[in-house]
C-alpha atoms as a PDB file:
ATOM      1  CA  MET A   1     -60.098  24.764 -10.853  1.00  0.00           C
ATOM      2  CA  THR A   2     -60.259  24.493  -7.068  1.00  0.00           C
ATOM      3  CA  ARG A   3     -63.247  22.566  -5.801  1.00  0.00           C
ATOM      4  CA  VAL A   4     -65.266  23.859  -2.870  1.00  0.00           C
ATOM      5  CA  ALA A   5     -66.082  21.694   0.157  1.00  0.00           C
ATOM      6  CA  LEU A   6     -68.472  22.425   3.013  1.00  0.00           C
ATOM      7  CA  VAL A   7     -68.263  20.494   6.287  1.00  0.00           C
ATOM      8  CA  SER A   8     -71.129  20.768   8.758  1.00  0.00           C
ATOM      9  CA  GLY A   9     -70.116  20.560  12.392  1.00  0.00           C
ATOM     10  CA  GLY A  10     -66.687  21.310  11.020  1.00  0.00           C
ATOM     11  CA  THR A  11     -64.874  23.158  13.806  1.00  0.00           C
ATOM     12  CA  ARG A  12     -64.443  20.409  16.412  1.00  0.00           C
ATOM     13  CA  GLY A  13     -63.663  16.709  16.636  1.00  0.00           C
ATOM     14  CA  ILE A  14     -64.108  14.598  13.536  1.00  0.00           C
ATOM     15  CA  GLY A  15     -65.500  17.542  11.572  1.00  0.00           C
ATOM     16  CA  ALA A  16     -62.438  19.673  12.245  1.00  0.00           C
ATOM     17  CA  ALA A  17     -60.137  16.858  11.137  1.00  0.00           C
ATOM     18  CA  ILE A  18     -62.166  16.476   7.939  1.00  0.00           C
ATOM     19  CA  ALA A  19     -62.037  20.188   7.175  1.00  0.00           C
ATOM     20  CA  VAL A  20     -58.266  20.319   7.726  1.00  0.00           C
ATOM     21  CA  ALA A  21     -57.665  17.213   5.606  1.00  0.00           C
ATOM     22  CA  LEU A  22     -59.746  18.550   2.726  1.00  0.00           C
ATOM     23  CA  LYS A  23     -57.859  21.836   2.815  1.00  0.00           C
ATOM     24  CA  ALA A  24     -54.557  19.940   2.770  1.00  0.00           C
ATOM     25  CA  ALA A  25     -55.836  18.009  -0.265  1.00  0.00           C
ATOM     26  CA  GLY A  26     -56.333  21.283  -2.156  1.00  0.00           C
ATOM     27  CA  TYR A  27     -60.007  22.075  -1.612  1.00  0.00           C
ATOM     28  CA  ALA A  28     -61.395  25.483  -0.714  1.00  0.00           C
ATOM     29  CA  VAL A  29     -63.102  24.578   2.551  1.00  0.00           C
ATOM     30  CA  ALA A  30     -65.823  26.159   4.659  1.00  0.00           C
ATOM     31  CA  ALA A  31     -66.757  24.870   8.106  1.00  0.00           C
ATOM     32  CA  ASN A  32     -70.246  25.220   9.530  1.00  0.00           C
ATOM     33  CA  TYR A  33     -70.892  25.288  13.270  1.00  0.00           C
ATOM     34  CA  ALA A  34     -73.934  25.790  15.463  1.00  0.00           C
ATOM     35  CA  GLY A  35     -73.028  27.223  18.828  1.00  0.00           C
ATOM     36  CA  ASN A  36     -69.498  27.456  20.181  1.00  0.00           C
ATOM     37  CA  ASP A  37     -68.323  30.835  18.900  1.00  0.00           C
ATOM     38  CA  GLU A  38     -65.063  30.796  20.864  1.00  0.00           C
ATOM     39  CA  ARG A  39     -63.988  27.414  19.510  1.00  0.00           C
ATOM     40  CA  ALA A  40     -65.062  28.316  15.976  1.00  0.00           C
ATOM     41  CA  LYS A  41     -63.053  31.529  15.937  1.00  0.00           C
ATOM     42  CA  ALA A  42     -60.027  29.717  17.339  1.00  0.00           C
ATOM     43  CA  PHE A  43     -60.362  27.054  14.646  1.00  0.00           C
ATOM     44  CA  GLU A  44     -60.587  29.714  11.942  1.00  0.00           C
ATOM     45  CA  ALA A  45     -57.511  31.472  13.279  1.00  0.00           C
ATOM     46  CA  GLU A  46     -55.530  28.229  13.563  1.00  0.00           C
ATOM     47  CA  THR A  47     -56.414  26.803  10.151  1.00  0.00           C
ATOM     48  CA  GLY A  48     -57.385  29.703   7.922  1.00  0.00           C
ATOM     49  CA  ILE A  49     -60.639  27.882   7.133  1.00  0.00           C
ATOM     50  CA  PRO A  50     -63.612  30.279   7.145  1.00  0.00           C
ATOM     51  CA  VAL A  51     -66.426  29.420   9.524  1.00  0.00           C
ATOM     52  CA  PHE A  52     -70.147  30.015   9.097  1.00  0.00           C
ATOM     53  CA  LYS A  53     -72.697  29.755  11.889  1.00  0.00           C
ATOM     54  CA  TRP A  54     -76.127  28.210  11.469  1.00  0.00           C
ATOM     55  CA  ASP A  55     -78.300  25.406  12.839  1.00  0.00           C
ATOM     56  CA  VAL A  56     -78.644  22.502  10.391  1.00  0.00           C
ATOM     57  CA  SER A  57     -82.022  21.566  11.875  1.00  0.00           C
ATOM     58  CA  SER A  58     -83.506  24.662  10.184  1.00  0.00           C
ATOM     59  CA  TYR A  59     -84.017  24.444   6.427  1.00  0.00           C
ATOM     60  CA  GLU A  60     -84.222  28.222   6.087  1.00  0.00           C
ATOM     61  CA  ALA A  61     -80.966  28.648   8.008  1.00  0.00           C
ATOM     62  CA  CYS A  62     -79.274  26.090   5.746  1.00  0.00           C
ATOM     63  CA  VAL A  63     -80.455  27.848   2.591  1.00  0.00           C
ATOM     64  CA  ALA A  64     -79.157  31.187   3.857  1.00  0.00           C
ATOM     65  CA  GLY A  65     -75.912  29.741   5.212  1.00  0.00           C
ATOM     66  CA  ILE A  66     -75.114  27.811   2.050  1.00  0.00           C
ATOM     67  CA  ALA A  67     -75.807  30.928  -0.020  1.00  0.00           C
ATOM     68  CA  ALA A  68     -73.274  32.807   2.136  1.00  0.00           C
ATOM     69  CA  VAL A  69     -70.665  30.062   1.649  1.00  0.00           C
ATOM     70  CA  GLU A  70     -71.196  30.016  -2.107  1.00  0.00           C
ATOM     71  CA  ALA A  71     -70.997  33.812  -2.298  1.00  0.00           C
ATOM     72  CA  ALA A  72     -67.633  33.637  -0.541  1.00  0.00           C
ATOM     73  CA  LEU A  73     -66.069  30.559  -2.128  1.00  0.00           C
ATOM     74  CA  GLY A  74     -68.154  29.482  -5.108  1.00  0.00           C
ATOM     75  CA  PRO A  75     -70.572  26.608  -5.793  1.00  0.00           C
ATOM     76  CA  ILE A  76     -70.264  23.684  -3.414  1.00  0.00           C
ATOM     77  CA  ASP A  77     -68.818  20.557  -5.009  1.00  0.00           C
ATOM     78  CA  VAL A  78     -68.312  18.453  -1.879  1.00  0.00           C
ATOM     79  CA  LEU A  79     -70.742  18.372   1.044  1.00  0.00           C
ATOM     80  CA  VAL A  80     -69.826  16.543   4.231  1.00  0.00           C
ATOM     81  CA  ASN A  81     -72.814  16.104   6.530  1.00  0.00           C
ATOM     82  CA  ASN A  82     -71.072  15.690   9.859  1.00  0.00           C
ATOM     83  CA  ALA A  83     -73.108  17.797  12.309  1.00  0.00           C
ATOM     84  CA  GLY A  84     -74.668  15.724  15.044  1.00  0.00           C
ATOM     85  CA  ILE A  85     -75.817  15.795  18.658  1.00  0.00           C
ATOM     86  CA  THR A  86     -76.691  13.286  21.356  1.00  0.00           C
ATOM     87  CA  ARG A  87     -79.489  13.398  23.895  1.00  0.00           C
ATOM     88  CA  ASP A  88     -79.047   9.990  25.485  1.00  0.00           C
ATOM     89  CA  ALA A  89     -81.671   8.381  27.716  1.00  0.00           C
ATOM     90  CA  MET A  90     -83.218   4.984  28.217  1.00  0.00           C
ATOM     91  CA  PHE A  91     -86.331   4.890  26.082  1.00  0.00           C
ATOM     92  CA  HIS A  92     -88.795   4.753  28.978  1.00  0.00           C
ATOM     93  CA  LYS A  93     -87.288   8.019  30.214  1.00  0.00           C
ATOM     94  CA  MET A  94     -86.734   9.681  26.835  1.00  0.00           C
ATOM     95  CA  THR A  95     -88.769  12.817  26.256  1.00  0.00           C
ATOM     96  CA  PRO A  96     -90.324  13.900  22.957  1.00  0.00           C
ATOM     97  CA  GLY A  97     -87.922  16.835  23.062  1.00  0.00           C
ATOM     98  CA  GLN A  98     -84.887  14.549  23.291  1.00  0.00           C
ATOM     99  CA  TRP A  99     -86.207  12.474  20.404  1.00  0.00           C
ATOM    100  CA  ASN A 100     -87.056  15.428  18.187  1.00  0.00           C
ATOM    101  CA  GLU A 101     -83.816  17.335  18.787  1.00  0.00           C
ATOM    102  CA  VAL A 102     -81.684  14.408  17.669  1.00  0.00           C
ATOM    103  CA  ILE A 103     -83.843  13.487  14.680  1.00  0.00           C
ATOM    104  CA  SER A 104     -84.018  17.127  13.569  1.00  0.00           C
ATOM    105  CA  THR A 105     -80.249  17.604  13.622  1.00  0.00           C
ATOM    106  CA  ASN A 106     -78.873  14.163  12.786  1.00  0.00           C
ATOM    107  CA  LEU A 107     -81.385  13.075  10.136  1.00  0.00           C
ATOM    108  CA  THR A 108     -83.486  16.009   8.936  1.00  0.00           C
ATOM    109  CA  GLY A 109     -80.253  17.999   8.896  1.00  0.00           C
ATOM    110  CA  LEU A 110     -79.082  15.861   5.973  1.00  0.00           C
ATOM    111  CA  PHE A 111     -82.108  16.904   3.946  1.00  0.00           C
ATOM    112  CA  ASN A 112     -81.721  20.531   4.981  1.00  0.00           C
ATOM    113  CA  MET A 113     -78.054  20.664   3.978  1.00  0.00           C
ATOM    114  CA  THR A 114     -78.176  18.521   0.852  1.00  0.00           C
ATOM    115  CA  HIS A 115     -81.340  19.801  -0.799  1.00  0.00           C
ATOM    116  CA  PRO A 116     -80.034  23.354  -1.451  1.00  0.00           C
ATOM    117  CA  VAL A 117     -76.852  22.090  -3.174  1.00  0.00           C
ATOM    118  CA  TRP A 118     -78.279  19.079  -5.010  1.00  0.00           C
ATOM    119  CA  SER A 119     -79.602  20.779  -8.132  1.00  0.00           C
ATOM    120  CA  GLY A 120     -76.349  22.672  -8.649  1.00  0.00           C
ATOM    121  CA  MET A 121     -74.309  19.486  -8.412  1.00  0.00           C
ATOM    122  CA  ARG A 122     -76.566  17.784 -10.946  1.00  0.00           C
ATOM    123  CA  ASP A 123     -76.445  20.729 -13.321  1.00  0.00           C
ATOM    124  CA  ARG A 124     -72.636  20.933 -13.179  1.00  0.00           C
ATOM    125  CA  GLY A 125     -72.233  17.173 -13.614  1.00  0.00           C
ATOM    126  CA  PHE A 126     -70.173  16.681 -10.483  1.00  0.00           C
ATOM    127  CA  GLY A 127     -70.844  16.328  -6.784  1.00  0.00           C
ATOM    128  CA  ARG A 128     -69.832  14.446  -3.678  1.00  0.00           C
ATOM    129  CA  VAL A 129     -72.149  14.054  -0.695  1.00  0.00           C
ATOM    130  CA  ILE A 130     -70.536  12.260   2.239  1.00  0.00           C
ATOM    131  CA  ASN A 131     -72.677  11.506   5.274  1.00  0.00           C
ATOM    132  CA  ILE A 132     -71.089  10.768   8.638  1.00  0.00           C
ATOM    133  CA  SER A 133     -73.310   8.131  10.214  1.00  0.00           C
ATOM    134  CA  SER A 134     -72.217   5.892  13.110  1.00  0.00           C
ATOM    135  CA  ILE A 135     -71.602   2.322  14.170  1.00  0.00           C
ATOM    136  CA  ASN A 136     -74.667   2.788  16.369  1.00  0.00           C
ATOM    137  CA  GLY A 137     -76.767   3.375  13.272  1.00  0.00           C
ATOM    138  CA  GLN A 138     -75.666  -0.071  12.109  1.00  0.00           C
ATOM    139  CA  LYS A 139     -75.972  -2.122  15.289  1.00  0.00           C
ATOM    140  CA  GLY A 140     -78.077   0.038  17.616  1.00  0.00           C
ATOM    141  CA  GLN A 141     -77.098   1.151  21.108  1.00  0.00           C
ATOM    142  CA  MET A 142     -78.920   0.977  24.417  1.00  0.00           C
ATOM    143  CA  GLY A 143     -79.886   4.434  25.618  1.00  0.00           C
ATOM    144  CA  GLN A 144     -79.658   5.857  22.108  1.00  0.00           C
ATOM    145  CA  ALA A 145     -82.939   4.951  20.399  1.00  0.00           C
ATOM    146  CA  ASN A 146     -83.083   8.489  19.006  1.00  0.00           C
ATOM    147  CA  TYR A 147     -79.439   8.614  17.868  1.00  0.00           C
ATOM    148  CA  SER A 148     -79.417   5.089  16.451  1.00  0.00           C
ATOM    149  CA  ALA A 149     -82.642   5.718  14.546  1.00  0.00           C
ATOM    150  CA  ALA A 150     -81.292   8.943  13.059  1.00  0.00           C
ATOM    151  CA  LYS A 151     -77.957   7.422  12.073  1.00  0.00           C
ATOM    152  CA  ALA A 152     -79.662   4.389  10.526  1.00  0.00           C
ATOM    153  CA  GLY A 153     -81.830   6.845   8.611  1.00  0.00           C
ATOM    154  CA  ASP A 154     -78.669   8.541   7.336  1.00  0.00           C
ATOM    155  CA  ILE A 155     -77.657   5.252   5.715  1.00  0.00           C
ATOM    156  CA  GLY A 156     -81.067   4.829   4.069  1.00  0.00           C
ATOM    157  CA  PHE A 157     -80.909   8.416   2.825  1.00  0.00           C
ATOM    158  CA  THR A 158     -77.455   7.711   1.372  1.00  0.00           C
ATOM    159  CA  ARG A 159     -78.564   4.609  -0.512  1.00  0.00           C
ATOM    160  CA  ALA A 160     -81.671   6.206  -1.962  1.00  0.00           C
ATOM    161  CA  LEU A 161     -80.070   9.463  -3.014  1.00  0.00           C
ATOM    162  CA  ALA A 162     -77.089   7.675  -4.552  1.00  0.00           C
ATOM    163  CA  GLN A 163     -79.420   6.131  -7.105  1.00  0.00           C
ATOM    164  CA  GLU A 164     -80.748   9.560  -8.072  1.00  0.00           C
ATOM    165  CA  GLY A 165     -77.338  11.178  -8.452  1.00  0.00           C
ATOM    166  CA  ALA A 166     -75.434   8.418 -10.212  1.00  0.00           C
ATOM    167  CA  ALA A 167     -76.273   9.356 -13.800  1.00  0.00           C
ATOM    168  CA  LYS A 168     -75.172  12.966 -13.135  1.00  0.00           C
ATOM    169  CA  ASN A 169     -71.782  12.031 -11.643  1.00  0.00           C
ATOM    170  CA  VAL A 170     -72.978  12.935  -8.160  1.00  0.00           C
ATOM    171  CA  THR A 171     -72.005  10.278  -5.637  1.00  0.00           C
ATOM    172  CA  VAL A 172     -73.476   9.830  -2.170  1.00  0.00           C
ATOM    173  CA  ASN A 173     -71.715   7.710   0.424  1.00  0.00           C
ATOM    174  CA  ALA A 174     -71.708   7.188   4.172  1.00  0.00           C
ATOM    175  CA  ILE A 175     -69.001   6.618   6.749  1.00  0.00           C
ATOM    176  CA  CYS A 176     -69.809   4.897  10.030  1.00  0.00           C
ATOM    177  CA  PRO A 177     -67.145   5.639  12.640  1.00  0.00           C
ATOM    178  CA  GLY A 178     -66.822   3.547  15.761  1.00  0.00           C
ATOM    179  CA  TYR A 179     -65.160   4.864  18.911  1.00  0.00           C
ATOM    180  CA  ILE A 180     -62.997   7.777  17.774  1.00  0.00           C
ATOM    181  CA  GLY A 181     -60.577   9.592  20.075  1.00  0.00           C
ATOM    182  CA  THR A 182     -62.342  12.921  20.143  1.00  0.00           C
ATOM    183  CA  GLU A 183     -62.322  15.219  23.150  1.00  0.00           C
ATOM    184  CA  MET A 184     -65.679  13.822  24.250  1.00  0.00           C
ATOM    185  CA  VAL A 185     -64.639  10.163  24.029  1.00  0.00           C
ATOM    186  CA  ARG A 186     -61.282  10.750  25.734  1.00  0.00           C
ATOM    187  CA  ALA A 187     -63.155  12.292  28.668  1.00  0.00           C
ATOM    188  CA  VAL A 188     -64.624   8.870  29.492  1.00  0.00           C
ATOM    189  CA  PRO A 189     -63.240   7.593  32.827  1.00  0.00           C
ATOM    190  CA  GLU A 190     -60.125   5.445  32.372  1.00  0.00           C
ATOM    191  CA  ARG A 191     -61.672   2.416  34.038  1.00  0.00           C
ATOM    192  CA  VAL A 192     -64.691   2.524  31.754  1.00  0.00           C
ATOM    193  CA  MET A 193     -62.437   2.959  28.728  1.00  0.00           C
ATOM    194  CA  ASN A 194     -60.171   0.042  29.653  1.00  0.00           C
ATOM    195  CA  GLU A 195     -62.822  -2.360  30.910  1.00  0.00           C
ATOM    196  CA  ARG A 196     -65.850  -1.678  28.733  1.00  0.00           C
ATOM    197  CA  ILE A 197     -64.870   0.111  25.523  1.00  0.00           C
ATOM    198  CA  LEU A 198     -61.425  -1.015  24.362  1.00  0.00           C
ATOM    199  CA  PRO A 199     -62.168  -4.756  24.838  1.00  0.00           C
ATOM    200  CA  GLN A 200     -64.937  -4.395  22.210  1.00  0.00           C
ATOM    201  CA  ILE A 201     -62.467  -3.124  19.577  1.00  0.00           C
ATOM    202  CA  PRO A 202     -60.363  -5.876  17.984  1.00  0.00           C
ATOM    203  CA  VAL A 203     -57.522  -3.509  17.012  1.00  0.00           C
ATOM    204  CA  GLY A 204     -57.264  -2.581  20.685  1.00  0.00           C
ATOM    205  CA  ARG A 205     -57.391   1.198  20.426  1.00  0.00           C
ATOM    206  CA  LEU A 206     -59.597   4.157  19.635  1.00  0.00           C
ATOM    207  CA  GLY A 207     -59.689   5.455  16.099  1.00  0.00           C
ATOM    208  CA  GLU A 208     -58.282   8.872  15.331  1.00  0.00           C
ATOM    209  CA  PRO A 209     -60.317  11.691  13.749  1.00  0.00           C
ATOM    210  CA  GLU A 210     -57.715  11.883  10.984  1.00  0.00           C
ATOM    211  CA  GLU A 211     -58.461   8.272  10.020  1.00  0.00           C
ATOM    212  CA  VAL A 212     -62.086   9.175   9.346  1.00  0.00           C
ATOM    213  CA  ALA A 213     -60.926  12.299   7.525  1.00  0.00           C
ATOM    214  CA  ARG A 214     -58.796  10.243   5.145  1.00  0.00           C
ATOM    215  CA  CYS A 215     -61.882   8.220   4.199  1.00  0.00           C
ATOM    216  CA  VAL A 216     -63.666  11.480   3.378  1.00  0.00           C
ATOM    217  CA  VAL A 217     -60.792  12.783   1.251  1.00  0.00           C
ATOM    218  CA  PHE A 218     -60.844   9.580  -0.792  1.00  0.00           C
ATOM    219  CA  LEU A 219     -64.617   9.590  -1.301  1.00  0.00           C
ATOM    220  CA  ALA A 220     -64.454  13.243  -2.357  1.00  0.00           C
ATOM    221  CA  SER A 221     -61.850  12.545  -5.024  1.00  0.00           C
ATOM    222  CA  ASP A 222     -62.169  11.715  -8.705  1.00  0.00           C
ATOM    223  CA  ASP A 223     -60.665   8.316  -7.868  1.00  0.00           C
ATOM    224  CA  ALA A 224     -63.878   7.422  -6.015  1.00  0.00           C
ATOM    225  CA  GLY A 225     -66.203   8.169  -8.934  1.00  0.00           C
ATOM    226  CA  PHE A 226     -67.371   4.550  -9.216  1.00  0.00           C
ATOM    227  CA  ILE A 227     -68.246   4.303  -5.529  1.00  0.00           C
ATOM    228  CA  THR A 228     -71.732   5.442  -4.577  1.00  0.00           C
ATOM    229  CA  GLY A 229     -74.405   4.269  -2.158  1.00  0.00           C
ATOM    230  CA  SER A 230     -71.689   2.646  -0.067  1.00  0.00           C
ATOM    231  CA  THR A 231     -71.001   2.611   3.640  1.00  0.00           C
ATOM    232  CA  ILE A 232     -67.441   2.563   4.975  1.00  0.00           C
ATOM    233  CA  SER A 233     -67.195   1.138   8.485  1.00  0.00           C
ATOM    234  CA  ALA A 234     -64.279   2.772  10.290  1.00  0.00           C
ATOM    235  CA  ASN A 235     -64.543   0.980  13.607  1.00  0.00           C
ATOM    236  CA  GLY A 236     -61.418  -1.111  14.187  1.00  0.00           C
ATOM    237  CA  GLY A 237     -63.273  -4.353  13.535  1.00  0.00           C
ATOM    238  CA  GLN A 238     -65.854  -3.776  16.256  1.00  0.00           C
ATOM    239  CA  TYR A 239     -68.826  -4.420  13.986  1.00  0.00           C
ATOM    240  CA  PHE A 240     -69.176  -5.894  10.496  1.00  0.00           C
ATOM    241  CA  SER A 241     -72.141  -5.175   8.238  1.00  0.00           C
END
């Protein structure tokens, strides 16, 4: 029986790589997105992965969106919480709006996406919840008090929920990517990349989205059934926790 996977923020960057890798591994995959209709439709056409639009910061939107995915593909067995935004600012200049937007999407979004599928996973005796956190949720980052707080919260959410799901064969794990060669990161000026970013990474290069995706495929598999509440640091040796 084909298992169903849902990837939030799944049409660009790391999320797109995850969705493609899960499909290649034999899953029936759906990709959620929030705003870029043109990119989402192009992704759907390129990959054959159906896309569904909703904002993960809204619980009601998540309930409705997940219901639409399950009506199309079946009950969700694997949930990848990847959707995230940044609203960077030094804390003394950060607005309540910048704080709340990031917390609502990057942390509350995990509740909004996971809660509607959790009971079904427990009832069926199988589930995989994989949360994409960040190196900055582990070590913090200047100018990202909102983002770092949310991503650290993702790790706490993972560890707590893992304890609740374990007896029902529902695992919950987190992945903390470092600097990954997405479109956004590769747009950084070359001088900044060579002088400030790459010297921090012991392997001497950016990670690739596909390298994060391979971590997800493993954690989603039956082979990872004894791994729960864990955090995989995919950062090229930049930070150890």
